[in-house]
Amino acid sequence: MLPNAFIEKLDPPTDKDIKRELAAVKPLWDELITVVAKQHGVDVREWNSYSKKAGWALKLKRGDRAIVYLSPGNGAFLASFALGEKALISARKSGLSPTVLKLLRDAKRYAEGTAVRIEVRKQEDIETVRKLVAAKIAH
């Protein structure tokens, strides 16, 4: 798993910090945030750090509902979801790659949902995350 770039930091990262760590991937970070806000109304952003060892993650919400967590790393970021069974079924039908379908099959299940983490490094990864956001919102 991609290590969080902001482990042991007391304050949430600034946009300048994010740009420094993500480098060439920063436009994908910005695109994802913009697209899910426009297409799905995911317009609430909250930085969270549950522990110093975990680092910081940007929680994207629609109203009070958490949709996806974005965790910045060095040159990439993780998009993390907790998907319920109906969202998983919908995601499997959304044209995801065989690699992502295997990831969904093998993902660890928890009471709050199946933990799915997508490492974002290229445009195709954004498309995967968008499909998972749509599945999560639909269910």
C-alpha atoms as a PDB file:
ATOM      1  CA  MET A   1       0.000   0.000   0.000  1.00  0.00           C
ATOM      2  CA  LEU A   2       1.178   3.517  -0.841  1.00  0.00           C
ATOM      3  CA  PRO A   3       2.522   5.252   2.287  1.00  0.00           C
ATOM      4  CA  ASN A   4       0.812   8.472   3.296  1.00  0.00           C
ATOM      5  CA  ALA A   5       3.025  11.515   2.634  1.00  0.00           C
ATOM      6  CA  PHE A   6       1.853  13.312   5.772  1.00  0.00           C
ATOM      7  CA  ILE A   7       2.559  10.830   8.559  1.00  0.00           C
ATOM      8  CA  GLU A   8       3.602  12.479  11.837  1.00  0.00           C
ATOM      9  CA  LYS A   9       2.367  15.917  10.670  1.00  0.00           C
ATOM     10  CA  LEU A  10       0.315  17.863  13.207  1.00  0.00           C
ATOM     11  CA  ASP A  11      -1.533  20.103  10.735  1.00  0.00           C
ATOM     12  CA  PRO A  12      -3.413  19.180   7.571  1.00  0.00           C
ATOM     13  CA  PRO A  13      -1.466  19.675   4.351  1.00  0.00           C
ATOM     14  CA  THR A  14      -1.838  22.839   2.329  1.00  0.00           C
ATOM     15  CA  ASP A  15      -2.400  22.877  -1.412  1.00  0.00           C
ATOM     16  CA  LYS A  16       1.310  23.690  -1.771  1.00  0.00           C
ATOM     17  CA  ASP A  17       2.206  20.599   0.309  1.00  0.00           C
ATOM     18  CA  ILE A  18      -0.067  18.420  -1.836  1.00  0.00           C
ATOM     19  CA  LYS A  19       1.459  19.772  -5.036  1.00  0.00           C
ATOM     20  CA  ARG A  20       4.978  19.084  -3.760  1.00  0.00           C
ATOM     21  CA  GLU A  21       4.189  15.464  -2.853  1.00  0.00           C
ATOM     22  CA  LEU A  22       1.949  14.528  -5.753  1.00  0.00           C
ATOM     23  CA  ALA A  23       4.055  16.347  -8.381  1.00  0.00           C
ATOM     24  CA  ALA A  24       2.839  15.288 -11.847  1.00  0.00           C
ATOM     25  CA  VAL A  25      -0.251  13.574 -10.363  1.00  0.00           C
ATOM     26  CA  LYS A  26      -1.622  16.766  -8.754  1.00  0.00           C
ATOM     27  CA  PRO A  27      -3.812  17.572 -11.796  1.00  0.00           C
ATOM     28  CA  LEU A  28      -5.490  14.163 -11.383  1.00  0.00           C
ATOM     29  CA  TRP A  29      -6.159  14.942  -7.698  1.00  0.00           C
ATOM     30  CA  ASP A  30      -7.755  18.257  -8.674  1.00  0.00           C
ATOM     31  CA  GLU A  31      -9.725  16.693 -11.538  1.00  0.00           C
ATOM     32  CA  LEU A  32     -11.174  13.978  -9.324  1.00  0.00           C
ATOM     33  CA  ILE A  33     -12.286  16.435  -6.652  1.00  0.00           C
ATOM     34  CA  THR A  34     -13.887  18.697  -9.266  1.00  0.00           C
ATOM     35  CA  VAL A  35     -15.607  15.925 -11.214  1.00  0.00           C
ATOM     36  CA  VAL A  36     -17.190  14.188  -8.224  1.00  0.00           C
ATOM     37  CA  ALA A  37     -18.431  17.540  -6.950  1.00  0.00           C
ATOM     38  CA  LYS A  38     -20.001  18.496 -10.289  1.00  0.00           C
ATOM     39  CA  GLN A  39     -21.366  15.096 -11.298  1.00  0.00           C
ATOM     40  CA  HIS A  40     -22.424  13.704  -7.938  1.00  0.00           C
ATOM     41  CA  GLY A  41     -22.758  16.617  -5.518  1.00  0.00           C
ATOM     42  CA  VAL A  42     -19.797  15.400  -3.447  1.00  0.00           C
ATOM     43  CA  ASP A  43     -18.932  18.902  -2.347  1.00  0.00           C
ATOM     44  CA  VAL A  44     -17.954  18.658   1.323  1.00  0.00           C
ATOM     45  CA  ARG A  45     -14.216  18.330   1.994  1.00  0.00           C
ATOM     46  CA  GLU A  46     -12.724  17.525   5.394  1.00  0.00           C
ATOM     47  CA  TRP A  47      -9.117  16.764   6.260  1.00  0.00           C
ATOM     48  CA  ASN A  48      -8.836  13.997   8.857  1.00  0.00           C
ATOM     49  CA  SER A  49      -5.980  12.333  10.661  1.00  0.00           C
ATOM     50  CA  TYR A  50      -7.038   9.472  12.882  1.00  0.00           C
ATOM     51  CA  SER A  51      -3.524   9.038  14.219  1.00  0.00           C
ATOM     52  CA  LYS A  52      -0.040  10.443  13.638  1.00  0.00           C
ATOM     53  CA  LYS A  53       0.983   7.096  12.149  1.00  0.00           C
ATOM     54  CA  ALA A  54      -1.843   7.102   9.603  1.00  0.00           C
ATOM     55  CA  GLY A  55      -1.200  10.566   8.179  1.00  0.00           C
ATOM     56  CA  TRP A  56      -3.793  12.866   6.647  1.00  0.00           C
ATOM     57  CA  ALA A  57      -6.665  12.024   4.288  1.00  0.00           C
ATOM     58  CA  LEU A  58      -9.162  14.265   2.550  1.00  0.00           C
ATOM     59  CA  LYS A  59     -12.678  12.969   3.158  1.00  0.00           C
ATOM     60  CA  LEU A  60     -15.071  13.832   0.327  1.00  0.00           C
ATOM     61  CA  LYS A  61     -18.687  13.826   1.426  1.00  0.00           C
ATOM     62  CA  ARG A  62     -22.136  14.359   0.025  1.00  0.00           C
ATOM     63  CA  GLY A  63     -23.986  15.975   2.868  1.00  0.00           C
ATOM     64  CA  ASP A  64     -23.126  13.927   5.945  1.00  0.00           C
ATOM     65  CA  ARG A  65     -22.252  10.781   3.978  1.00  0.00           C
ATOM     66  CA  ALA A  66     -18.583   9.933   3.408  1.00  0.00           C
ATOM     67  CA  ILE A  67     -18.066   8.864  -0.191  1.00  0.00           C
ATOM     68  CA  VAL A  68     -14.297   8.541  -0.676  1.00  0.00           C
ATOM     69  CA  TYR A  69     -11.080   9.286   1.215  1.00  0.00           C
ATOM     70  CA  LEU A  70      -8.066  10.620  -0.697  1.00  0.00           C
ATOM     71  CA  SER A  71      -4.696   9.932   0.915  1.00  0.00           C
ATOM     72  CA  PRO A  72      -1.730  11.712  -0.661  1.00  0.00           C
ATOM     73  CA  GLY A  73       1.492   9.786  -1.159  1.00  0.00           C
ATOM     74  CA  ASN A  74       4.691  10.576  -2.986  1.00  0.00           C
ATOM     75  CA  GLY A  75       3.841  10.784  -6.696  1.00  0.00           C
ATOM     76  CA  ALA A  76       0.436   9.114  -6.280  1.00  0.00           C
ATOM     77  CA  PHE A  77      -2.600   9.003  -4.008  1.00  0.00           C
ATOM     78  CA  LEU A  78      -5.000   6.420  -2.658  1.00  0.00           C
ATOM     79  CA  ALA A  79      -8.746   6.626  -3.127  1.00  0.00           C
ATOM     80  CA  SER A  80     -10.355   4.537  -0.379  1.00  0.00           C
ATOM     81  CA  PHE A  81     -13.947   3.369  -0.104  1.00  0.00           C
ATOM     82  CA  ALA A  82     -16.154   1.365   2.217  1.00  0.00           C
ATOM     83  CA  LEU A  83     -18.599  -0.224  -0.218  1.00  0.00           C
ATOM     84  CA  GLY A  84     -21.795  -1.978   0.809  1.00  0.00           C
ATOM     85  CA  GLU A  85     -22.962  -5.131  -0.972  1.00  0.00           C
ATOM     86  CA  LYS A  86     -25.304  -3.295  -3.375  1.00  0.00           C
ATOM     87  CA  ALA A  87     -22.537  -0.841  -4.310  1.00  0.00           C
ATOM     88  CA  LEU A  88     -20.166  -3.763  -4.946  1.00  0.00           C
ATOM     89  CA  ILE A  89     -22.690  -5.429  -7.241  1.00  0.00           C
ATOM     90  CA  SER A  90     -23.207  -2.149  -9.104  1.00  0.00           C
ATOM     91  CA  ALA A  91     -19.444  -1.574  -9.378  1.00  0.00           C
ATOM     92  CA  ARG A  92     -18.908  -5.057 -10.837  1.00  0.00           C
ATOM     93  CA  LYS A  93     -21.391  -4.208 -13.605  1.00  0.00           C
ATOM     94  CA  SER A  94     -19.792  -0.839 -14.441  1.00  0.00           C
ATOM     95  CA  GLY A  95     -17.114  -2.002 -16.882  1.00  0.00           C
ATOM     96  CA  LEU A  96     -14.154  -2.137 -14.504  1.00  0.00           C
ATOM     97  CA  SER A  97     -10.922  -3.819 -15.599  1.00  0.00           C
ATOM     98  CA  PRO A  98     -10.247  -7.463 -14.657  1.00  0.00           C
ATOM     99  CA  THR A  99      -7.541  -6.227 -12.273  1.00  0.00           C
ATOM    100  CA  VAL A 100      -9.997  -4.014 -10.384  1.00  0.00           C
ATOM    101  CA  LEU A 101     -12.654  -6.733 -10.378  1.00  0.00           C
ATOM    102  CA  LYS A 102     -10.133  -9.056  -8.716  1.00  0.00           C
ATOM    103  CA  LEU A 103      -9.333  -6.322  -6.202  1.00  0.00           C
ATOM    104  CA  LEU A 104     -13.057  -6.079  -5.368  1.00  0.00           C
ATOM    105  CA  ARG A 105     -13.297  -9.862  -5.005  1.00  0.00           C
ATOM    106  CA  ASP A 106     -10.268 -10.051  -2.702  1.00  0.00           C
ATOM    107  CA  ALA A 107     -10.992  -6.933  -0.633  1.00  0.00           C
ATOM    108  CA  LYS A 108     -11.389  -7.244   3.122  1.00  0.00           C
ATOM    109  CA  ARG A 109     -14.921  -6.990   4.433  1.00  0.00           C
ATOM    110  CA  TYR A 110     -15.844  -5.013   7.532  1.00  0.00           C
ATOM    111  CA  ALA A 111     -19.135  -4.159   9.234  1.00  0.00           C
ATOM    112  CA  GLU A 112     -19.195  -0.736   7.525  1.00  0.00           C
ATOM    113  CA  GLY A 113     -18.466  -2.213   4.092  1.00  0.00           C
ATOM    114  CA  THR A 114     -15.811  -3.720   1.872  1.00  0.00           C
ATOM    115  CA  ALA A 115     -12.531  -1.789   2.012  1.00  0.00           C
ATOM    116  CA  VAL A 116     -11.449  -0.882  -1.512  1.00  0.00           C
ATOM    117  CA  ARG A 117      -8.291   1.124  -2.184  1.00  0.00           C
ATOM    118  CA  ILE A 118      -7.291   2.336  -5.618  1.00  0.00           C
ATOM    119  CA  GLU A 119      -3.823   3.752  -6.182  1.00  0.00           C
ATOM    120  CA  VAL A 120      -4.123   6.716  -8.557  1.00  0.00           C
ATOM    121  CA  ARG A 121      -1.180   7.400 -10.868  1.00  0.00           C
ATOM    122  CA  LYS A 122      -2.777   7.868 -14.295  1.00  0.00           C
ATOM    123  CA  GLN A 123      -5.992   8.948 -16.020  1.00  0.00           C
ATOM    124  CA  GLU A 124      -7.351   5.392 -16.217  1.00  0.00           C
ATOM    125  CA  ASP A 125      -7.229   5.218 -12.423  1.00  0.00           C
ATOM    126  CA  ILE A 126      -9.433   8.321 -12.221  1.00  0.00           C
ATOM    127  CA  GLU A 127     -12.005   6.576 -14.420  1.00  0.00           C
ATOM    128  CA  THR A 128     -11.995   3.605 -12.031  1.00  0.00           C
ATOM    129  CA  VAL A 129     -12.495   5.872  -9.021  1.00  0.00           C
ATOM    130  CA  ARG A 130     -15.327   7.718 -10.787  1.00  0.00           C
ATOM    131  CA  LYS A 131     -17.132   4.416 -11.401  1.00  0.00           C
ATOM    132  CA  LEU A 132     -16.734   3.425  -7.754  1.00  0.00           C
ATOM    133  CA  VAL A 133     -18.012   6.846  -6.615  1.00  0.00           C
ATOM    134  CA  ALA A 134     -21.075   6.394  -8.850  1.00  0.00           C
ATOM    135  CA  ALA A 135     -21.707   2.904  -7.425  1.00  0.00           C
ATOM    136  CA  LYS A 136     -21.329   4.156  -3.855  1.00  0.00           C
ATOM    137  CA  ILE A 137     -23.716   7.065  -4.412  1.00  0.00           C
ATOM    138  CA  ALA A 138     -26.323   4.902  -6.147  1.00  0.00           C
ATOM    139  CA  HIS A 139     -26.495   2.583  -3.129  1.00  0.00           C
END
